[in-house]
Amino acid sequence: MYAMVLSARGAPLTFEQRPDPIPGPGEVRVKVSACGVCRTDLHVVDGELSDISYPIIPGHEVVGRIDAMGAGVEDLKLGMRVGVPWLGYTCGECSYCRADKENLCDRPKFTGYTRDGGFASHLVADARYCFPLGEHGEDAALSPLLCAGLIGWRSLVMAGDSKTLGIYGFGAAGHIVTQVARAEGRTVYAFTRGGDHEAQRLALSLGADWAGASEEIPPTELDAAIIYAPVGALVPLALRSVRKGGRVVCAGIHMSDIPTFPYHILWGERQVVSVANLTRKDGVDFFTAAAKADIRTHTTVFPLTDANEALARLREGKLVGAAVLRP
């Protein structure tokens, strides 16, 4: 196999050839056909997440086909197209797992963070955490659904029965969630970096009723807002835009510090909540909703060896939609 490997915090990824990994009991090996590039990959590369053991292969929006199986795998088959998401293992024994909150597991493993991921020609995955994808749709177009879509879905569910929805940070997750929200009959207001007219045009083309800079006040009060950009300063901006009883959902795994803000913009039973990881049920529910919404992802495809360029463009805000690596 070959892979783009992170050897130290902040280091550029390097191309390596390795022996093909062998799946153990309950595992499968996936021949990767596409892997989306997620902002969480930046947090891994930049060392903003704790307890990273180097070297590590990033990537957790993986689409590919099973080409080897370990003992005890019964629900998957050789040649099956599957998706491998961020949450790659849970213990099944802690209080959270027993309460059907496996996204909060005390002893989880994460694809591309605490176990090798999909910036590679092959990876080994826990069979329980592989989603069968069927044969509809192109691999590169499906890969952003494995995190941007899944976390987007969980954040949308946490936004509650909101009719007017604000989306702060209109990248991979934002452009997917807008399509699901519109299919559900919600009105979407898209917030981007100031002057990012290309992202604003994309938002409007996908059905958003309004698009503007994050510092702007939307033309109507929001029932809820979801923040996908890892910028803590967006929290008070979103609070100023939601109505009394509204909710601000912070959807990133990492965010810069939230600045102090006056209590009156939180008062009125407004809420600030966070999203952590996902559950397998989220995957089942999301892919059902995604099929009904007929989601069209907007992607820029890079060869695997250009992973550093894809990460740099994502860091600089020079991507519209999602970046995808193709081995």
C-alpha atoms as a PDB file:
ATOM      1  CA  MET A   1       0.000   0.000   0.000  1.00  0.00           C
ATOM      2  CA  TYR A   2       1.001   3.640  -0.215  1.00  0.00           C
ATOM      3  CA  ALA A   3      -0.094   6.572   1.924  1.00  0.00           C
ATOM      4  CA  MET A   4       0.423  10.216   2.836  1.00  0.00           C
ATOM      5  CA  VAL A   5       1.784  10.094   6.377  1.00  0.00           C
ATOM      6  CA  LEU A   6       1.958  12.689   9.155  1.00  0.00           C
ATOM      7  CA  SER A   7       5.209  12.143  11.066  1.00  0.00           C
ATOM      8  CA  ALA A   8       5.102  15.079  13.506  1.00  0.00           C
ATOM      9  CA  ARG A   9       2.916  17.971  14.550  1.00  0.00           C
ATOM     10  CA  GLY A  10       2.665  20.557  11.794  1.00  0.00           C
ATOM     11  CA  ALA A  11       4.884  18.590   9.418  1.00  0.00           C
ATOM     12  CA  PRO A  12       3.962  18.220   5.750  1.00  0.00           C
ATOM     13  CA  LEU A  13       2.554  14.837   4.841  1.00  0.00           C
ATOM     14  CA  THR A  14       5.060  12.538   3.179  1.00  0.00           C
ATOM     15  CA  PHE A  15       4.481   9.784   0.647  1.00  0.00           C
ATOM     16  CA  GLU A  16       5.330   6.307   1.951  1.00  0.00           C
ATOM     17  CA  GLN A  17       5.044   2.753   0.704  1.00  0.00           C
ATOM     18  CA  ARG A  18       4.208   0.105   3.294  1.00  0.00           C
ATOM     19  CA  PRO A  19       3.250  -3.569   3.376  1.00  0.00           C
ATOM     20  CA  ASP A  20      -0.461  -4.117   2.794  1.00  0.00           C
ATOM     21  CA  PRO A  21      -2.291  -4.106   6.156  1.00  0.00           C
ATOM     22  CA  ILE A  22      -3.918  -7.353   7.281  1.00  0.00           C
ATOM     23  CA  PRO A  23      -7.404  -7.143   8.817  1.00  0.00           C
ATOM     24  CA  GLY A  24      -7.794  -8.811  12.208  1.00  0.00           C
ATOM     25  CA  PRO A  25     -10.929 -10.437  13.654  1.00  0.00           C
ATOM     26  CA  GLY A  26     -13.978  -8.280  13.069  1.00  0.00           C
ATOM     27  CA  GLU A  27     -12.101  -6.039  10.629  1.00  0.00           C
ATOM     28  CA  VAL A  28     -12.065  -5.474   6.875  1.00  0.00           C
ATOM     29  CA  ARG A  29      -9.495  -4.001   4.535  1.00  0.00           C
ATOM     30  CA  VAL A  30     -10.825  -1.336   2.198  1.00  0.00           C
ATOM     31  CA  LYS A  31      -9.198  -0.406  -1.102  1.00  0.00           C
ATOM     32  CA  VAL A  32      -9.710   3.340  -1.105  1.00  0.00           C
ATOM     33  CA  SER A  33     -11.223   4.984  -4.164  1.00  0.00           C
ATOM     34  CA  ALA A  34     -11.818   8.455  -2.666  1.00  0.00           C
ATOM     35  CA  CYS A  35     -11.247  10.241   0.633  1.00  0.00           C
ATOM     36  CA  GLY A  36     -12.664  13.645   1.449  1.00  0.00           C
ATOM     37  CA  VAL A  37     -10.514  16.297   3.108  1.00  0.00           C
ATOM     38  CA  CYS A  38     -12.144  17.601   6.269  1.00  0.00           C
ATOM     39  CA  ARG A  39     -11.327  20.531   8.523  1.00  0.00           C
ATOM     40  CA  THR A  40     -10.745  17.964  11.268  1.00  0.00           C
ATOM     41  CA  ASP A  41      -7.826  16.701   9.189  1.00  0.00           C
ATOM     42  CA  LEU A  42      -6.340  20.178   9.575  1.00  0.00           C
ATOM     43  CA  HIS A  43      -6.777  19.950  13.344  1.00  0.00           C
ATOM     44  CA  VAL A  44      -4.915  16.617  13.267  1.00  0.00           C
ATOM     45  CA  VAL A  45      -2.108  17.923  11.059  1.00  0.00           C
ATOM     46  CA  ASP A  46      -1.752  21.127  13.100  1.00  0.00           C
ATOM     47  CA  GLY A  47      -1.693  19.205  16.391  1.00  0.00           C
ATOM     48  CA  GLU A  48      -4.788  20.941  17.733  1.00  0.00           C
ATOM     49  CA  LEU A  49      -6.229  17.623  18.952  1.00  0.00           C
ATOM     50  CA  SER A  50      -4.723  15.878  21.945  1.00  0.00           C
ATOM     51  CA  ASP A  51      -2.976  12.506  22.285  1.00  0.00           C
ATOM     52  CA  ILE A  52      -1.872  12.056  18.680  1.00  0.00           C
ATOM     53  CA  SER A  53       0.585   9.188  18.247  1.00  0.00           C
ATOM     54  CA  TYR A  54       2.904   9.674  15.280  1.00  0.00           C
ATOM     55  CA  PRO A  55       3.211   8.561  12.589  1.00  0.00           C
ATOM     56  CA  ILE A  56      -0.477   8.626  11.610  1.00  0.00           C
ATOM     57  CA  ILE A  57      -2.310   8.544   8.295  1.00  0.00           C
ATOM     58  CA  PRO A  58      -5.122  11.166   8.296  1.00  0.00           C
ATOM     59  CA  GLY A  59      -8.443  10.939   6.481  1.00  0.00           C
ATOM     60  CA  HIS A  60     -11.901   9.873   7.636  1.00  0.00           C
ATOM     61  CA  GLU A  61     -14.282  10.463   4.719  1.00  0.00           C
ATOM     62  CA  VAL A  62     -13.420   7.204   3.034  1.00  0.00           C
ATOM     63  CA  VAL A  63     -15.148   5.457   0.149  1.00  0.00           C
ATOM     64  CA  GLY A  64     -13.814   2.197  -1.222  1.00  0.00           C
ATOM     65  CA  ARG A  65     -14.370  -1.510  -1.697  1.00  0.00           C
ATOM     66  CA  ILE A  66     -13.649  -4.360   0.675  1.00  0.00           C
ATOM     67  CA  ASP A  67     -10.777  -6.447  -0.646  1.00  0.00           C
ATOM     68  CA  ALA A  68      -9.971  -8.563   2.442  1.00  0.00           C
ATOM     69  CA  MET A  69     -11.899  -9.667   5.513  1.00  0.00           C
ATOM     70  CA  GLY A  70     -10.905 -10.826   8.966  1.00  0.00           C
ATOM     71  CA  ALA A  71     -12.532 -13.643  10.880  1.00  0.00           C
ATOM     72  CA  GLY A  72     -16.054 -13.152  12.187  1.00  0.00           C
ATOM     73  CA  VAL A  73     -17.274 -10.547   9.698  1.00  0.00           C
ATOM     74  CA  GLU A  74     -20.757 -11.557   8.600  1.00  0.00           C
ATOM     75  CA  ASP A  75     -22.712  -8.510   7.403  1.00  0.00           C
ATOM     76  CA  LEU A  76     -20.253  -7.319   4.746  1.00  0.00           C
ATOM     77  CA  LYS A  77     -18.927  -8.994   1.617  1.00  0.00           C
ATOM     78  CA  LEU A  78     -15.822  -8.859  -0.567  1.00  0.00           C
ATOM     79  CA  GLY A  79     -16.210  -6.256  -3.289  1.00  0.00           C
ATOM     80  CA  MET A  80     -18.890  -4.324  -1.397  1.00  0.00           C
ATOM     81  CA  ARG A  81     -18.620  -0.542  -1.599  1.00  0.00           C
ATOM     82  CA  VAL A  82     -18.518   0.967   1.882  1.00  0.00           C
ATOM     83  CA  GLY A  83     -17.923   4.242   3.635  1.00  0.00           C
ATOM     84  CA  VAL A  84     -15.618   4.563   6.646  1.00  0.00           C
ATOM     85  CA  PRO A  85     -16.417   7.516   8.941  1.00  0.00           C
ATOM     86  CA  TRP A  86     -14.695   9.412  11.758  1.00  0.00           C
ATOM     87  CA  LEU A  87     -15.937   7.186  14.590  1.00  0.00           C
ATOM     88  CA  GLY A  88     -14.073   3.951  14.015  1.00  0.00           C
ATOM     89  CA  TYR A  89     -14.575   1.983  17.237  1.00  0.00           C
ATOM     90  CA  THR A  90     -16.410   2.151  20.563  1.00  0.00           C
ATOM     91  CA  CYS A  91     -15.985  -0.056  23.614  1.00  0.00           C
ATOM     92  CA  GLY A  92     -19.657  -1.021  23.998  1.00  0.00           C
ATOM     93  CA  GLU A  93     -19.195  -1.217  27.767  1.00  0.00           C
ATOM     94  CA  CYS A  94     -18.998   2.294  29.241  1.00  0.00           C
ATOM     95  CA  SER A  95     -22.042   4.118  30.595  1.00  0.00           C
ATOM     96  CA  TYR A  96     -22.428   6.124  27.379  1.00  0.00           C
ATOM     97  CA  CYS A  97     -22.352   3.084  25.106  1.00  0.00           C
ATOM     98  CA  ARG A  98     -24.882   1.317  27.341  1.00  0.00           C
ATOM     99  CA  ALA A  99     -27.145   4.385  27.124  1.00  0.00           C
ATOM    100  CA  ASP A 100     -27.092   4.393  23.290  1.00  0.00           C
ATOM    101  CA  LYS A 101     -24.746   7.400  23.267  1.00  0.00           C
ATOM    102  CA  GLU A 102     -21.793   5.743  21.598  1.00  0.00           C
ATOM    103  CA  ASN A 103     -20.692   9.106  20.198  1.00  0.00           C
ATOM    104  CA  LEU A 104     -19.602   9.945  23.768  1.00  0.00           C
ATOM    105  CA  CYS A 105     -17.799   6.625  24.396  1.00  0.00           C
ATOM    106  CA  ASP A 106     -15.029   6.817  26.988  1.00  0.00           C
ATOM    107  CA  ARG A 107     -12.661   4.607  24.960  1.00  0.00           C
ATOM    108  CA  PRO A 108     -13.287   5.396  21.284  1.00  0.00           C
ATOM    109  CA  LYS A 109     -10.995   5.175  18.294  1.00  0.00           C
ATOM    110  CA  PHE A 110     -11.173   7.641  15.440  1.00  0.00           C
ATOM    111  CA  THR A 111     -10.308   7.080  11.793  1.00  0.00           C
ATOM    112  CA  GLY A 112      -7.383   9.219  10.700  1.00  0.00           C
ATOM    113  CA  TYR A 113      -6.668  10.378  14.265  1.00  0.00           C
ATOM    114  CA  THR A 114      -6.131   7.453  16.638  1.00  0.00           C
ATOM    115  CA  ARG A 115      -6.100   4.782  13.925  1.00  0.00           C
ATOM    116  CA  ASP A 116      -4.765   5.094  10.374  1.00  0.00           C
ATOM    117  CA  GLY A 117      -7.157   6.664   7.927  1.00  0.00           C
ATOM    118  CA  GLY A 118      -7.944   7.063   4.269  1.00  0.00           C
ATOM    119  CA  PHE A 119      -5.183   9.270   2.838  1.00  0.00           C
ATOM    120  CA  ALA A 120      -3.924   5.980   1.450  1.00  0.00           C
ATOM    121  CA  SER A 121      -4.521   3.261  -1.092  1.00  0.00           C
ATOM    122  CA  HIS A 122      -5.836   0.901   1.639  1.00  0.00           C
ATOM    123  CA  LEU A 123      -6.956   1.013   5.250  1.00  0.00           C
ATOM    124  CA  VAL A 124      -8.186  -1.453   7.839  1.00  0.00           C
ATOM    125  CA  ALA A 125     -11.493  -0.654   9.544  1.00  0.00           C
ATOM    126  CA  ASP A 126     -13.743  -2.152  12.193  1.00  0.00           C
ATOM    127  CA  ALA A 127     -16.498  -3.838  10.187  1.00  0.00           C
ATOM    128  CA  ARG A 128     -19.132  -2.580  12.628  1.00  0.00           C
ATOM    129  CA  TYR A 129     -18.289   0.990  11.627  1.00  0.00           C
ATOM    130  CA  CYS A 130     -18.465   0.618   7.868  1.00  0.00           C
ATOM    131  CA  PHE A 131     -21.573   1.856   6.064  1.00  0.00           C
ATOM    132  CA  PRO A 132     -22.690  -0.059   2.942  1.00  0.00           C
ATOM    133  CA  LEU A 133     -23.155   2.574   0.227  1.00  0.00           C
ATOM    134  CA  GLY A 134     -24.792   0.636  -2.595  1.00  0.00           C
ATOM    135  CA  GLU A 135     -23.928   1.394  -6.181  1.00  0.00           C
ATOM    136  CA  HIS A 136     -25.673   4.726  -6.769  1.00  0.00           C
ATOM    137  CA  GLY A 137     -23.440   7.789  -6.990  1.00  0.00           C
ATOM    138  CA  GLU A 138     -19.795   8.473  -7.819  1.00  0.00           C
ATOM    139  CA  ASP A 139     -17.158   7.713  -5.193  1.00  0.00           C
ATOM    140  CA  ALA A 140     -15.675  11.213  -4.989  1.00  0.00           C
ATOM    141  CA  ALA A 141     -19.121  12.784  -4.712  1.00  0.00           C
ATOM    142  CA  LEU A 142     -20.087  10.443  -1.870  1.00  0.00           C
ATOM    143  CA  SER A 143     -16.954  10.826   0.250  1.00  0.00           C
ATOM    144  CA  PRO A 144     -17.844  14.216   1.852  1.00  0.00           C
ATOM    145  CA  LEU A 145     -21.022  12.620   3.175  1.00  0.00           C
ATOM    146  CA  LEU A 146     -18.932  10.458   5.536  1.00  0.00           C
ATOM    147  CA  CYS A 147     -18.162  13.380   7.869  1.00  0.00           C
ATOM    148  CA  ALA A 148     -19.365  16.714   6.529  1.00  0.00           C
ATOM    149  CA  GLY A 149     -22.686  15.034   5.841  1.00  0.00           C
ATOM    150  CA  LEU A 150     -22.877  12.949   9.011  1.00  0.00           C
ATOM    151  CA  ILE A 151     -21.852  15.701  11.423  1.00  0.00           C
ATOM    152  CA  GLY A 152     -23.995  18.090   9.435  1.00  0.00           C
ATOM    153  CA  TRP A 153     -26.948  15.774   9.939  1.00  0.00           C
ATOM    154  CA  ARG A 154     -26.365  15.408  13.676  1.00  0.00           C
ATOM    155  CA  SER A 155     -26.073  19.176  14.064  1.00  0.00           C
ATOM    156  CA  LEU A 156     -29.272  19.662  12.068  1.00  0.00           C
ATOM    157  CA  VAL A 157     -31.110  17.242  14.348  1.00  0.00           C
ATOM    158  CA  MET A 158     -29.743  19.104  17.383  1.00  0.00           C
ATOM    159  CA  ALA A 159     -31.032  22.357  15.910  1.00  0.00           C
ATOM    160  CA  GLY A 160     -34.496  20.995  16.584  1.00  0.00           C
ATOM    161  CA  ASP A 161     -37.644  21.780  14.654  1.00  0.00           C
ATOM    162  CA  SER A 162     -36.256  25.062  13.376  1.00  0.00           C
ATOM    163  CA  LYS A 163     -38.018  26.674  10.455  1.00  0.00           C
ATOM    164  CA  THR A 164     -35.506  29.490   9.993  1.00  0.00           C
ATOM    165  CA  LEU A 165     -31.934  28.164  10.131  1.00  0.00           C
ATOM    166  CA  GLY A 166     -28.638  30.024  10.010  1.00  0.00           C
ATOM    167  CA  ILE A 167     -25.484  28.279   8.771  1.00  0.00           C
ATOM    168  CA  TYR A 168     -22.184  29.912   9.727  1.00  0.00           C
ATOM    169  CA  GLY A 169     -19.297  28.695   7.596  1.00  0.00           C
ATOM    170  CA  PHE A 170     -20.466  27.562   4.187  1.00  0.00           C
ATOM    171  CA  GLY A 171     -18.018  24.819   3.300  1.00  0.00           C
ATOM    172  CA  ALA A 172     -18.381  21.071   2.927  1.00  0.00           C
ATOM    173  CA  ALA A 173     -20.881  20.548   5.762  1.00  0.00           C
ATOM    174  CA  GLY A 174     -22.800  23.760   5.095  1.00  0.00           C
ATOM    175  CA  HIS A 175     -23.488  23.030   1.448  1.00  0.00           C
ATOM    176  CA  ILE A 176     -24.691  19.495   2.255  1.00  0.00           C
ATOM    177  CA  VAL A 177     -26.891  20.486   5.196  1.00  0.00           C
ATOM    178  CA  THR A 178     -28.489  23.287   3.189  1.00  0.00           C
ATOM    179  CA  GLN A 179     -29.808  20.737   0.713  1.00  0.00           C
ATOM    180  CA  VAL A 180     -31.204  18.493   3.474  1.00  0.00           C
ATOM    181  CA  ALA A 181     -32.739  21.466   5.310  1.00  0.00           C
ATOM    182  CA  ARG A 182     -34.384  22.763   2.151  1.00  0.00           C
ATOM    183  CA  ALA A 183     -35.773  19.292   1.413  1.00  0.00           C
ATOM    184  CA  GLU A 184     -37.323  19.382   4.886  1.00  0.00           C
ATOM    185  CA  GLY A 185     -38.984  22.712   4.169  1.00  0.00           C
ATOM    186  CA  ARG A 186     -36.689  24.907   6.264  1.00  0.00           C
ATOM    187  CA  THR A 187     -35.574  28.405   5.286  1.00  0.00           C
ATOM    188  CA  VAL A 188     -31.792  28.743   5.223  1.00  0.00           C
ATOM    189  CA  TYR A 189     -29.650  31.821   5.832  1.00  0.00           C
ATOM    190  CA  ALA A 190     -25.991  31.340   4.893  1.00  0.00           C
ATOM    191  CA  PHE A 191     -23.142  33.241   6.564  1.00  0.00           C
ATOM    192  CA  THR A 192     -19.641  33.308   5.040  1.00  0.00           C
ATOM    193  CA  ARG A 193     -16.400  35.177   5.412  1.00  0.00           C
ATOM    194  CA  GLY A 194     -16.772  38.775   4.333  1.00  0.00           C
ATOM    195  CA  GLY A 195     -16.282  39.091   0.601  1.00  0.00           C
ATOM    196  CA  ASP A 196     -16.592  35.363  -0.112  1.00  0.00           C
ATOM    197  CA  HIS A 197     -19.044  35.933  -2.935  1.00  0.00           C
ATOM    198  CA  GLU A 198     -18.361  32.554  -4.527  1.00  0.00           C
ATOM    199  CA  ALA A 199     -19.542  30.693  -1.403  1.00  0.00           C
ATOM    200  CA  GLN A 200     -22.535  33.023  -1.154  1.00  0.00           C
ATOM    201  CA  ARG A 201     -23.483  32.316  -4.757  1.00  0.00           C
ATOM    202  CA  LEU A 202     -23.204  28.578  -4.085  1.00  0.00           C
ATOM    203  CA  ALA A 203     -25.481  28.925  -1.056  1.00  0.00           C
ATOM    204  CA  LEU A 204     -28.116  30.768  -3.064  1.00  0.00           C
ATOM    205  CA  SER A 205     -27.877  28.251  -5.900  1.00  0.00           C
ATOM    206  CA  LEU A 206     -28.592  25.454  -3.394  1.00  0.00           C
ATOM    207  CA  GLY A 207     -31.746  27.121  -2.128  1.00  0.00           C
ATOM    208  CA  ALA A 208     -30.643  29.472   0.648  1.00  0.00           C
ATOM    209  CA  ASP A 209     -33.009  32.436   0.919  1.00  0.00           C
ATOM    210  CA  TRP A 210     -30.236  34.825   1.934  1.00  0.00           C
ATOM    211  CA  ALA A 211     -26.438  34.853   2.009  1.00  0.00           C
ATOM    212  CA  GLY A 212     -24.119  37.385   3.564  1.00  0.00           C
ATOM    213  CA  ALA A 213     -21.114  37.981   5.791  1.00  0.00           C
ATOM    214  CA  SER A 214     -21.011  36.485   9.288  1.00  0.00           C
ATOM    215  CA  GLU A 215     -21.045  39.954  10.847  1.00  0.00           C
ATOM    216  CA  GLU A 216     -24.362  40.823   9.206  1.00  0.00           C
ATOM    217  CA  ILE A 217     -27.771  40.515  10.843  1.00  0.00           C
ATOM    218  CA  PRO A 218     -30.148  38.384   8.745  1.00  0.00           C
ATOM    219  CA  PRO A 219     -33.436  39.887   7.559  1.00  0.00           C
ATOM    220  CA  THR A 220     -35.412  37.820  10.083  1.00  0.00           C
ATOM    221  CA  GLU A 221     -34.725  36.234  13.463  1.00  0.00           C
ATOM    222  CA  LEU A 222     -33.423  32.681  13.357  1.00  0.00           C
ATOM    223  CA  ASP A 223     -34.958  29.739  15.184  1.00  0.00           C
ATOM    224  CA  ALA A 224     -31.511  28.119  15.300  1.00  0.00           C
ATOM    225  CA  ALA A 225     -27.995  28.552  13.996  1.00  0.00           C
ATOM    226  CA  ILE A 226     -25.286  25.987  13.269  1.00  0.00           C
ATOM    227  CA  ILE A 227     -21.625  27.007  13.344  1.00  0.00           C
ATOM    228  CA  TYR A 228     -19.304  24.929  11.158  1.00  0.00           C
ATOM    229  CA  ALA A 229     -16.355  27.332  11.032  1.00  0.00           C
ATOM    230  CA  PRO A 230     -13.922  26.727  13.954  1.00  0.00           C
ATOM    231  CA  VAL A 231     -14.161  30.363  15.032  1.00  0.00           C
ATOM    232  CA  GLY A 232     -15.294  31.067  18.582  1.00  0.00           C
ATOM    233  CA  ALA A 233     -16.111  34.693  17.745  1.00  0.00           C
ATOM    234  CA  LEU A 234     -19.062  33.439  15.695  1.00  0.00           C
ATOM    235  CA  VAL A 235     -20.897  32.272  18.831  1.00  0.00           C
ATOM    236  CA  PRO A 236     -21.921  35.756  20.058  1.00  0.00           C
ATOM    237  CA  LEU A 237     -22.689  36.781  16.461  1.00  0.00           C
ATOM    238  CA  ALA A 238     -25.042  33.824  16.110  1.00  0.00           C
ATOM    239  CA  LEU A 239     -26.629  34.491  19.511  1.00  0.00           C
ATOM    240  CA  ARG A 240     -27.480  38.006  18.377  1.00  0.00           C
ATOM    241  CA  SER A 241     -29.347  36.551  15.403  1.00  0.00           C
ATOM    242  CA  VAL A 242     -31.427  33.831  17.090  1.00  0.00           C
ATOM    243  CA  ARG A 243     -34.791  34.516  18.677  1.00  0.00           C
ATOM    244  CA  LYS A 244     -35.676  33.930  22.317  1.00  0.00           C
ATOM    245  CA  GLY A 245     -35.722  30.205  22.970  1.00  0.00           C
ATOM    246  CA  GLY A 246     -33.404  29.668  19.998  1.00  0.00           C
ATOM    247  CA  ARG A 247     -30.351  27.457  19.885  1.00  0.00           C
ATOM    248  CA  VAL A 248     -26.789  27.851  18.619  1.00  0.00           C
ATOM    249  CA  VAL A 249     -25.138  24.531  17.706  1.00  0.00           C
ATOM    250  CA  CYS A 250     -21.325  24.386  17.597  1.00  0.00           C
ATOM    251  CA  ALA A 251     -20.556  21.565  15.177  1.00  0.00           C
ATOM    252  CA  GLY A 252     -16.760  21.432  15.082  1.00  0.00           C
ATOM    253  CA  ILE A 253     -14.478  19.134  17.062  1.00  0.00           C
ATOM    254  CA  HIS A 254     -12.199  22.110  17.704  1.00  0.00           C
ATOM    255  CA  MET A 255     -12.950  25.824  17.964  1.00  0.00           C
ATOM    256  CA  SER A 256     -10.934  28.878  18.924  1.00  0.00           C
ATOM    257  CA  ASP A 257     -11.827  30.456  22.251  1.00  0.00           C
ATOM    258  CA  ILE A 258     -15.257  32.023  22.548  1.00  0.00           C
ATOM    259  CA  PRO A 259     -14.877  35.703  23.498  1.00  0.00           C
ATOM    260  CA  THR A 260     -16.776  37.208  26.381  1.00  0.00           C
ATOM    261  CA  PHE A 261     -20.184  38.569  25.467  1.00  0.00           C
ATOM    262  CA  PRO A 262     -23.011  40.413  27.239  1.00  0.00           C
ATOM    263  CA  TYR A 263     -25.440  38.193  29.084  1.00  0.00           C
ATOM    264  CA  HIS A 264     -28.475  39.775  27.450  1.00  0.00           C
ATOM    265  CA  ILE A 265     -27.772  38.060  24.115  1.00  0.00           C
ATOM    266  CA  LEU A 266     -27.942  34.683  25.871  1.00  0.00           C
ATOM    267  CA  TRP A 267     -30.886  35.596  28.086  1.00  0.00           C
ATOM    268  CA  GLY A 268     -34.361  34.630  26.925  1.00  0.00           C
ATOM    269  CA  GLU A 269     -33.624  30.900  27.207  1.00  0.00           C
ATOM    270  CA  ARG A 270     -31.274  30.873  24.276  1.00  0.00           C
ATOM    271  CA  GLN A 271     -28.932  27.870  24.288  1.00  0.00           C
ATOM    272  CA  VAL A 272     -25.402  27.094  23.139  1.00  0.00           C
ATOM    273  CA  VAL A 273     -24.698  23.379  22.598  1.00  0.00           C
ATOM    274  CA  SER A 274     -21.974  21.300  20.960  1.00  0.00           C
ATOM    275  CA  VAL A 275     -21.969  18.248  18.707  1.00  0.00           C
ATOM    276  CA  ALA A 276     -19.597  15.379  19.477  1.00  0.00           C
ATOM    277  CA  ASN A 277     -18.858  12.731  16.864  1.00  0.00           C
ATOM    278  CA  LEU A 278     -21.750  10.580  15.614  1.00  0.00           C
ATOM    279  CA  THR A 279     -23.524   7.309  16.145  1.00  0.00           C
ATOM    280  CA  ARG A 280     -24.128   4.501  13.693  1.00  0.00           C
ATOM    281  CA  LYS A 281     -27.828   5.354  13.849  1.00  0.00           C
ATOM    282  CA  ASP A 282     -26.922   8.858  12.656  1.00  0.00           C
ATOM    283  CA  GLY A 283     -25.389   7.212   9.601  1.00  0.00           C
ATOM    284  CA  VAL A 284     -28.453   5.120   8.840  1.00  0.00           C
ATOM    285  CA  ASP A 285     -30.791   8.101   9.311  1.00  0.00           C
ATOM    286  CA  PHE A 286     -28.612  10.470   7.314  1.00  0.00           C
ATOM    287  CA  PHE A 287     -28.151   8.271   4.277  1.00  0.00           C
ATOM    288  CA  THR A 288     -31.922   7.757   4.176  1.00  0.00           C
ATOM    289  CA  ALA A 289     -32.486  11.521   4.310  1.00  0.00           C
ATOM    290  CA  ALA A 290     -29.697  12.173   1.809  1.00  0.00           C
ATOM    291  CA  ALA A 291     -31.305   9.849  -0.737  1.00  0.00           C
ATOM    292  CA  LYS A 292     -34.621  11.688  -0.387  1.00  0.00           C
ATOM    293  CA  ALA A 293     -32.933  15.079  -0.699  1.00  0.00           C
ATOM    294  CA  ASP A 294     -30.976  13.937  -3.777  1.00  0.00           C
ATOM    295  CA  ILE A 295     -27.865  15.669  -2.461  1.00  0.00           C
ATOM    296  CA  ARG A 296     -25.329  16.951  -4.963  1.00  0.00           C
ATOM    297  CA  THR A 297     -21.914  17.579  -3.468  1.00  0.00           C
ATOM    298  CA  HIS A 298     -19.588  20.184  -4.935  1.00  0.00           C
ATOM    299  CA  THR A 299     -16.059  18.798  -4.953  1.00  0.00           C
ATOM    300  CA  THR A 300     -12.542  19.593  -6.113  1.00  0.00           C
ATOM    301  CA  VAL A 301     -10.591  16.380  -6.742  1.00  0.00           C
ATOM    302  CA  PHE A 302      -6.845  16.127  -6.080  1.00  0.00           C
ATOM    303  CA  PRO A 303      -4.498  13.179  -6.598  1.00  0.00           C
ATOM    304  CA  LEU A 304      -3.499  11.655  -3.268  1.00  0.00           C
ATOM    305  CA  THR A 305       0.049  12.956  -3.613  1.00  0.00           C
ATOM    306  CA  ASP A 306      -1.337  16.528  -3.618  1.00  0.00           C
ATOM    307  CA  ALA A 307      -2.803  16.118  -0.118  1.00  0.00           C
ATOM    308  CA  ASN A 308      -0.666  18.966   1.236  1.00  0.00           C
ATOM    309  CA  GLU A 309      -1.990  21.328  -1.417  1.00  0.00           C
ATOM    310  CA  ALA A 310      -5.589  20.339  -0.648  1.00  0.00           C
ATOM    311  CA  LEU A 311      -5.017  20.952   3.069  1.00  0.00           C
ATOM    312  CA  ALA A 312      -3.368  24.309   2.373  1.00  0.00           C
ATOM    313  CA  ARG A 313      -6.261  25.480   0.213  1.00  0.00           C
ATOM    314  CA  LEU A 314      -8.733  24.406   2.871  1.00  0.00           C
ATOM    315  CA  ARG A 315      -6.754  26.251   5.563  1.00  0.00           C
ATOM    316  CA  GLU A 316      -6.664  29.406   3.445  1.00  0.00           C
ATOM    317  CA  GLY A 317     -10.386  29.315   2.670  1.00  0.00           C
ATOM    318  CA  LYS A 318      -9.746  28.864  -1.047  1.00  0.00           C
ATOM    319  CA  LEU A 319     -12.090  25.918  -1.554  1.00  0.00           C
ATOM    320  CA  VAL A 320     -15.777  26.067  -2.389  1.00  0.00           C
ATOM    321  CA  GLY A 321     -17.572  22.905  -1.333  1.00  0.00           C
ATOM    322  CA  ALA A 322     -15.314  19.972  -0.463  1.00  0.00           C
ATOM    323  CA  ALA A 323     -11.858  18.704  -1.431  1.00  0.00           C
ATOM    324  CA  VAL A 324     -11.449  15.006  -2.254  1.00  0.00           C
ATOM    325  CA  LEU A 325      -8.279  12.937  -2.637  1.00  0.00           C
ATOM    326  CA  ARG A 326      -8.200  10.122  -5.151  1.00  0.00           C
ATOM    327  CA  PRO A 327      -5.471   7.444  -4.840  1.00  0.00           C
END
